[in-house]
Amino acid sequence: QVQLIESGGGLVQVGKSLILSCTASGRPFGSRVMGWFRQAPGKEREFVAGIGWNDGYTVIPDSAEGRWFIVRDTVKSTVDLHMNSLKPDDTGVYYCASGIRGPRHTWQTASHYDYWGRGTQVTVSS
């Protein structure tokens, strides 16, 4: 049974940093992509970072480019999202997800992922 467990969320001030961690278990992830998504109240789930498990290739959307990065540790089976220069708009529930690796443009679509964690809340206060 695949499990994705997020941790590291919380309340943080504007401009500060936070690291979210996703611990993955239950199957080999070698041929898969791991993604992080954010969902704010009343909004759709939004892609914020993705990484290929095998090669560590990353995709970061323009909204997070230069502020955030994603890394994976294949020994510990973790995927970490490093968030810097946090803004109030970054507030939301952050989900870790796993999907079959396909063309990189598909990584940004929530429906591409077939396993999801339960999420962790991040609140950025001004």
N, C-alpha and C. Protein backbone atom coordinates (compact mmCIF):
# COMPACT_ATOMS: atom_id res chain seq x y z
N GLN A 1 0.85 -1.19 0.00
CA GLN A 1 0.00 0.00 0.00
C GLN A 1 0.89 1.24 0.00
N VAL A 2 0.66 2.10 -0.98
CA VAL A 2 1.45 3.32 -1.08
C VAL A 2 1.01 4.31 -0.01
N GLN A 3 2.00 4.88 0.64
CA GLN A 3 1.72 5.94 1.61
C GLN A 3 2.62 7.13 1.34
N LEU A 4 2.02 8.30 1.34
CA LEU A 4 2.75 9.55 1.23
C LEU A 4 2.36 10.37 2.45
N ILE A 5 3.34 10.66 3.28
CA ILE A 5 3.05 11.36 4.53
C ILE A 5 3.81 12.67 4.56
N GLU A 6 3.06 13.76 4.60
CA GLU A 6 3.66 15.10 4.63
C GLU A 6 3.90 15.54 6.07
N SER A 7 4.92 16.36 6.24
CA SER A 7 5.21 16.95 7.54
C SER A 7 5.90 18.29 7.32
N GLY A 8 5.94 19.09 8.38
CA GLY A 8 6.69 20.33 8.33
C GLY A 8 5.86 21.59 8.18
N GLY A 9 4.56 21.45 8.05
CA GLY A 9 3.72 22.64 7.92
C GLY A 9 3.60 23.40 9.22
N GLY A 10 2.99 24.57 9.14
CA GLY A 10 2.81 25.36 10.34
C GLY A 10 2.56 26.81 10.02
N LEU A 11 2.65 27.64 11.05
CA LEU A 11 2.47 29.09 10.92
C LEU A 11 3.83 29.76 10.80
N VAL A 12 3.97 30.62 9.79
CA VAL A 12 5.26 31.27 9.56
C VAL A 12 5.00 32.70 9.12
N GLN A 13 5.95 33.59 9.40
CA GLN A 13 5.79 34.99 9.04
C GLN A 13 6.22 35.24 7.60
N VAL A 14 5.71 36.31 7.05
CA VAL A 14 6.08 36.71 5.70
C VAL A 14 7.60 36.87 5.59
N GLY A 15 8.14 36.35 4.49
CA GLY A 15 9.56 36.48 4.24
C GLY A 15 10.41 35.35 4.81
N LYS A 16 9.81 34.56 5.67
CA LYS A 16 10.56 33.47 6.28
C LYS A 16 10.57 32.24 5.39
N SER A 17 11.23 31.18 5.89
CA SER A 17 11.38 29.95 5.12
C SER A 17 10.76 28.77 5.86
N LEU A 18 10.46 27.75 5.11
CA LEU A 18 9.87 26.53 5.67
C LEU A 18 10.25 25.37 4.78
N ILE A 19 10.46 24.22 5.39
CA ILE A 19 10.74 23.01 4.62
C ILE A 19 9.65 21.98 4.88
N LEU A 20 9.00 21.56 3.82
CA LEU A 20 8.02 20.48 3.90
C LEU A 20 8.69 19.18 3.47
N SER A 21 8.34 18.11 4.15
CA SER A 21 8.92 16.81 3.82
C SER A 21 7.82 15.81 3.52
N CYS A 22 8.06 14.97 2.54
CA CYS A 22 7.13 13.90 2.18
C CYS A 22 7.88 12.58 2.29
N THR A 23 7.38 11.68 3.11
CA THR A 23 7.98 10.35 3.24
C THR A 23 7.14 9.36 2.45
N ALA A 24 7.77 8.69 1.50
CA ALA A 24 7.06 7.79 0.59
C ALA A 24 7.38 6.34 0.88
N SER A 25 6.39 5.50 0.83
CA SER A 25 6.61 4.07 1.08
C SER A 25 5.57 3.25 0.34
N GLY A 26 5.82 1.97 0.24
CA GLY A 26 4.81 1.05 -0.27
C GLY A 26 5.05 0.52 -1.67
N ARG A 27 5.99 1.09 -2.40
CA ARG A 27 6.27 0.59 -3.75
C ARG A 27 7.56 1.23 -4.24
N PRO A 28 8.17 0.71 -5.30
CA PRO A 28 9.32 1.40 -5.89
C PRO A 28 8.86 2.68 -6.59
N PHE A 29 9.61 3.73 -6.47
CA PHE A 29 9.23 5.00 -7.06
C PHE A 29 10.14 5.39 -8.22
N GLY A 30 11.00 4.46 -8.64
CA GLY A 30 12.02 4.78 -9.62
C GLY A 30 11.50 5.37 -10.92
N SER A 31 10.39 4.91 -11.43
CA SER A 31 9.90 5.38 -12.72
C SER A 31 8.83 6.44 -12.56
N ARG A 32 8.81 7.10 -11.45
CA ARG A 32 7.73 8.01 -11.15
C ARG A 32 8.21 9.44 -10.94
N VAL A 33 7.25 10.33 -10.96
CA VAL A 33 7.49 11.73 -10.63
C VAL A 33 6.80 12.00 -9.29
N MET A 34 7.45 12.81 -8.49
CA MET A 34 6.90 13.23 -7.22
C MET A 34 6.60 14.72 -7.30
N GLY A 35 5.41 15.09 -6.87
CA GLY A 35 5.01 16.48 -6.99
C GLY A 35 4.51 17.04 -5.67
N TRP A 36 4.57 18.35 -5.58
CA TRP A 36 3.94 19.08 -4.48
C TRP A 36 2.89 20.01 -5.07
N PHE A 37 1.72 20.01 -4.43
CA PHE A 37 0.63 20.87 -4.85
C PHE A 37 0.14 21.66 -3.64
N ARG A 38 -0.44 22.80 -3.94
CA ARG A 38 -1.01 23.66 -2.90
C ARG A 38 -2.49 23.90 -3.24
N GLN A 39 -3.29 23.88 -2.18
CA GLN A 39 -4.71 24.22 -2.35
C GLN A 39 -5.12 25.23 -1.31
N ALA A 40 -5.47 26.43 -1.78
CA ALA A 40 -5.97 27.48 -0.91
C ALA A 40 -7.50 27.35 -0.82
N PRO A 41 -8.09 27.90 0.24
CA PRO A 41 -9.55 27.81 0.39
C PRO A 41 -10.29 28.36 -0.82
N GLY A 42 -11.21 27.58 -1.37
CA GLY A 42 -12.00 28.03 -2.49
C GLY A 42 -11.30 27.99 -3.83
N LYS A 43 -10.08 27.46 -3.86
CA LYS A 43 -9.32 27.43 -5.11
C LYS A 43 -8.97 26.00 -5.50
N GLU A 44 -8.61 25.84 -6.76
CA GLU A 44 -8.21 24.52 -7.23
C GLU A 44 -6.79 24.19 -6.75
N ARG A 45 -6.52 22.90 -6.78
CA ARG A 45 -5.18 22.46 -6.39
C ARG A 45 -4.17 22.96 -7.44
N GLU A 46 -3.07 23.54 -6.95
CA GLU A 46 -2.10 24.19 -7.82
C GLU A 46 -0.73 23.54 -7.68
N PHE A 47 -0.11 23.26 -8.80
CA PHE A 47 1.22 22.66 -8.82
C PHE A 47 2.26 23.67 -8.36
N VAL A 48 3.17 23.23 -7.47
CA VAL A 48 4.23 24.13 -7.01
C VAL A 48 5.64 23.57 -7.23
N ALA A 49 5.78 22.27 -7.44
CA ALA A 49 7.11 21.70 -7.71
C ALA A 49 6.98 20.22 -8.06
N GLY A 50 7.90 19.75 -8.91
CA GLY A 50 7.92 18.32 -9.23
C GLY A 50 9.35 17.86 -9.45
N ILE A 51 9.59 16.58 -9.20
CA ILE A 51 10.93 16.02 -9.35
C ILE A 51 10.83 14.58 -9.84
N GLY A 52 11.69 14.23 -10.78
CA GLY A 52 11.78 12.86 -11.24
C GLY A 52 12.56 12.04 -10.21
N TRP A 53 11.99 10.93 -9.83
CA TRP A 53 12.63 10.16 -8.76
C TRP A 53 13.99 9.61 -9.19
N ASN A 54 14.07 9.14 -10.40
CA ASN A 54 15.31 8.51 -10.88
C ASN A 54 16.46 9.50 -11.05
N ASP A 55 16.20 10.62 -11.70
CA ASP A 55 17.30 11.50 -12.08
C ASP A 55 17.33 12.83 -11.35
N GLY A 56 16.28 13.11 -10.55
CA GLY A 56 16.27 14.35 -9.80
C GLY A 56 15.97 15.58 -10.63
N TYR A 57 15.53 15.37 -11.87
CA TYR A 57 15.19 16.54 -12.69
C TYR A 57 13.98 17.23 -12.08
N THR A 58 14.03 18.57 -12.03
CA THR A 58 12.96 19.30 -11.37
C THR A 58 12.19 20.23 -12.31
N VAL A 59 10.95 20.46 -11.96
CA VAL A 59 10.11 21.44 -12.64
C VAL A 59 9.54 22.36 -11.56
N ILE A 60 9.76 23.65 -11.73
CA ILE A 60 9.25 24.65 -10.79
C ILE A 60 8.46 25.67 -11.60
N PRO A 61 7.22 25.97 -11.24
CA PRO A 61 6.46 26.97 -12.00
C PRO A 61 7.00 28.37 -11.77
N ASP A 62 6.63 29.28 -12.63
CA ASP A 62 7.14 30.65 -12.56
C ASP A 62 6.84 31.29 -11.20
N SER A 63 5.70 30.95 -10.60
CA SER A 63 5.30 31.57 -9.33
C SER A 63 6.27 31.26 -8.21
N ALA A 64 7.00 30.16 -8.32
CA ALA A 64 7.93 29.75 -7.26
C ALA A 64 9.38 29.79 -7.71
N GLU A 65 9.62 30.05 -8.99
CA GLU A 65 10.98 30.05 -9.52
C GLU A 65 11.84 31.05 -8.78
N GLY A 66 13.03 30.60 -8.36
CA GLY A 66 13.95 31.46 -7.64
C GLY A 66 13.68 31.54 -6.14
N ARG A 67 12.50 31.10 -5.70
CA ARG A 67 12.18 31.13 -4.27
C ARG A 67 12.21 29.73 -3.66
N TRP A 68 11.74 28.76 -4.41
CA TRP A 68 11.59 27.42 -3.86
C TRP A 68 12.39 26.41 -4.68
N PHE A 69 12.72 25.30 -4.03
CA PHE A 69 13.29 24.19 -4.77
C PHE A 69 12.89 22.87 -4.12
N ILE A 70 13.01 21.82 -4.90
CA ILE A 70 12.58 20.49 -4.45
C ILE A 70 13.75 19.53 -4.60
N VAL A 71 13.91 18.67 -3.61
CA VAL A 71 14.97 17.67 -3.65
C VAL A 71 14.41 16.34 -3.19
N ARG A 72 15.07 15.26 -3.62
CA ARG A 72 14.64 13.95 -3.12
C ARG A 72 15.85 13.19 -2.59
N ASP A 73 15.59 12.34 -1.63
CA ASP A 73 16.61 11.48 -1.07
C ASP A 73 16.13 10.04 -1.29
N THR A 74 16.75 9.35 -2.23
CA THR A 74 16.27 8.02 -2.58
C THR A 74 16.59 6.98 -1.52
N VAL A 75 17.53 7.28 -0.65
CA VAL A 75 17.85 6.35 0.43
C VAL A 75 16.81 6.47 1.54
N LYS A 76 16.52 7.70 1.93
CA LYS A 76 15.52 7.93 2.97
C LYS A 76 14.10 7.85 2.43
N SER A 77 13.96 7.88 1.10
CA SER A 77 12.66 7.87 0.44
C SER A 77 11.83 9.09 0.83
N THR A 78 12.46 10.24 0.72
CA THR A 78 11.79 11.50 1.06
C THR A 78 11.90 12.49 -0.09
N VAL A 79 10.94 13.38 -0.15
CA VAL A 79 10.94 14.47 -1.11
C VAL A 79 10.67 15.75 -0.32
N ASP A 80 11.60 16.67 -0.35
CA ASP A 80 11.49 17.89 0.45
C ASP A 80 11.23 19.10 -0.45
N LEU A 81 10.35 19.96 0.04
CA LEU A 81 10.07 21.21 -0.64
C LEU A 81 10.63 22.33 0.23
N HIS A 82 11.62 23.03 -0.28
CA HIS A 82 12.24 24.13 0.43
C HIS A 82 11.59 25.42 -0.05
N MET A 83 10.91 26.10 0.86
CA MET A 83 10.17 27.30 0.51
C MET A 83 10.82 28.51 1.20
N ASN A 84 11.27 29.45 0.39
CA ASN A 84 11.89 30.67 0.90
C ASN A 84 11.04 31.88 0.53
N SER A 85 11.28 32.97 1.22
CA SER A 85 10.59 34.23 0.93
C SER A 85 9.08 34.03 0.84
N LEU A 86 8.53 33.44 1.87
CA LEU A 86 7.10 33.10 1.85
C LEU A 86 6.23 34.35 1.85
N LYS A 87 5.11 34.24 1.13
CA LYS A 87 4.15 35.33 1.00
C LYS A 87 2.78 34.86 1.53
N PRO A 88 1.91 35.79 1.88
CA PRO A 88 0.56 35.38 2.33
C PRO A 88 -0.17 34.51 1.30
N ASP A 89 0.06 34.76 0.03
CA ASP A 89 -0.58 33.96 -1.03
C ASP A 89 -0.10 32.52 -1.06
N ASP A 90 0.97 32.22 -0.34
CA ASP A 90 1.47 30.84 -0.28
C ASP A 90 0.69 30.01 0.73
N THR A 91 -0.21 30.63 1.45
CA THR A 91 -1.03 29.92 2.43
C THR A 91 -1.91 28.88 1.76
N GLY A 92 -1.99 27.71 2.39
CA GLY A 92 -2.84 26.65 1.86
C GLY A 92 -2.46 25.31 2.43
N VAL A 93 -3.16 24.30 1.98
CA VAL A 93 -2.80 22.92 2.33
C VAL A 93 -1.88 22.39 1.24
N TYR A 94 -0.76 21.86 1.65
CA TYR A 94 0.24 21.35 0.72
C TYR A 94 0.19 19.84 0.68
N TYR A 95 0.09 19.32 -0.54
CA TYR A 95 -0.04 17.88 -0.74
C TYR A 95 1.16 17.33 -1.51
N CYS A 96 1.60 16.19 -1.08
CA CYS A 96 2.60 15.42 -1.81
C CYS A 96 1.87 14.41 -2.69
N ALA A 97 2.39 14.20 -3.90
CA ALA A 97 1.72 13.30 -4.83
C ALA A 97 2.74 12.52 -5.65
N SER A 98 2.32 11.37 -6.16
CA SER A 98 3.18 10.53 -6.98
C SER A 98 2.42 10.10 -8.22
N GLY A 99 3.10 10.18 -9.37
CA GLY A 99 2.47 9.78 -10.60
C GLY A 99 3.45 9.09 -11.52
N ILE A 100 2.94 8.42 -12.54
CA ILE A 100 3.81 7.80 -13.53
C ILE A 100 4.53 8.91 -14.30
N ARG A 101 5.82 8.72 -14.45
CA ARG A 101 6.58 9.78 -15.13
C ARG A 101 6.20 9.82 -16.60
N GLY A 102 5.80 11.00 -17.04
CA GLY A 102 5.48 11.20 -18.44
C GLY A 102 6.16 12.47 -18.92
N PRO A 103 5.72 13.05 -20.04
CA PRO A 103 6.29 14.32 -20.50
C PRO A 103 6.20 15.36 -19.39
N ARG A 104 7.21 16.22 -19.35
CA ARG A 104 7.31 17.13 -18.21
C ARG A 104 6.13 18.09 -18.10
N HIS A 105 5.50 18.41 -19.21
CA HIS A 105 4.37 19.33 -19.13
C HIS A 105 3.19 18.69 -18.38
N THR A 106 3.18 17.37 -18.29
CA THR A 106 2.09 16.70 -17.56
C THR A 106 2.29 16.76 -16.06
N TRP A 107 3.51 17.05 -15.63
CA TRP A 107 3.80 17.05 -14.19
C TRP A 107 2.98 18.10 -13.45
N GLN A 108 2.52 19.14 -14.15
CA GLN A 108 1.84 20.25 -13.50
C GLN A 108 0.34 20.04 -13.38
N THR A 109 -0.14 18.89 -13.82
CA THR A 109 -1.57 18.61 -13.80
C THR A 109 -1.90 17.62 -12.69
N ALA A 110 -2.81 18.00 -11.81
CA ALA A 110 -3.14 17.16 -10.66
C ALA A 110 -3.66 15.79 -11.08
N SER A 111 -4.40 15.74 -12.17
CA SER A 111 -5.00 14.47 -12.59
C SER A 111 -3.95 13.46 -13.07
N HIS A 112 -2.73 13.92 -13.28
CA HIS A 112 -1.63 13.04 -13.70
C HIS A 112 -1.16 12.14 -12.56
N TYR A 113 -1.48 12.52 -11.33
CA TYR A 113 -0.97 11.82 -10.15
C TYR A 113 -2.01 10.85 -9.59
N ASP A 114 -1.56 9.65 -9.22
CA ASP A 114 -2.51 8.66 -8.75
C ASP A 114 -2.39 8.35 -7.26
N TYR A 115 -1.38 8.88 -6.61
CA TYR A 115 -1.27 8.72 -5.17
C TYR A 115 -1.08 10.09 -4.53
N TRP A 116 -1.77 10.28 -3.41
CA TRP A 116 -1.74 11.57 -2.72
C TRP A 116 -1.60 11.37 -1.22
N GLY A 117 -0.91 12.31 -0.60
CA GLY A 117 -0.90 12.36 0.85
C GLY A 117 -2.12 13.10 1.36
N ARG A 118 -2.22 13.23 2.68
CA ARG A 118 -3.38 13.88 3.28
C ARG A 118 -3.19 15.39 3.40
N GLY A 119 -1.97 15.85 3.21
CA GLY A 119 -1.73 17.28 3.22
C GLY A 119 -1.24 17.81 4.55
N THR A 120 -0.59 18.96 4.47
CA THR A 120 -0.13 19.66 5.66
C THR A 120 -0.40 21.14 5.47
N GLN A 121 -0.90 21.78 6.51
CA GLN A 121 -1.31 23.19 6.41
C GLN A 121 -0.11 24.12 6.57
N VAL A 122 -0.03 25.10 5.67
CA VAL A 122 0.95 26.17 5.79
C VAL A 122 0.19 27.48 5.82
N THR A 123 0.47 28.27 6.84
CA THR A 123 -0.17 29.58 6.97
C THR A 123 0.91 30.63 7.08
N VAL A 124 0.88 31.59 6.16
CA VAL A 124 1.86 32.66 6.15
C VAL A 124 1.17 33.92 6.64
N SER A 125 1.64 34.44 7.75
CA SER A 125 1.01 35.63 8.34
C SER A 125 1.79 36.89 8.00
N SER A 126 1.05 37.96 7.77
CA SER A 126 1.68 39.24 7.42
C SER A 126 1.89 40.10 8.65
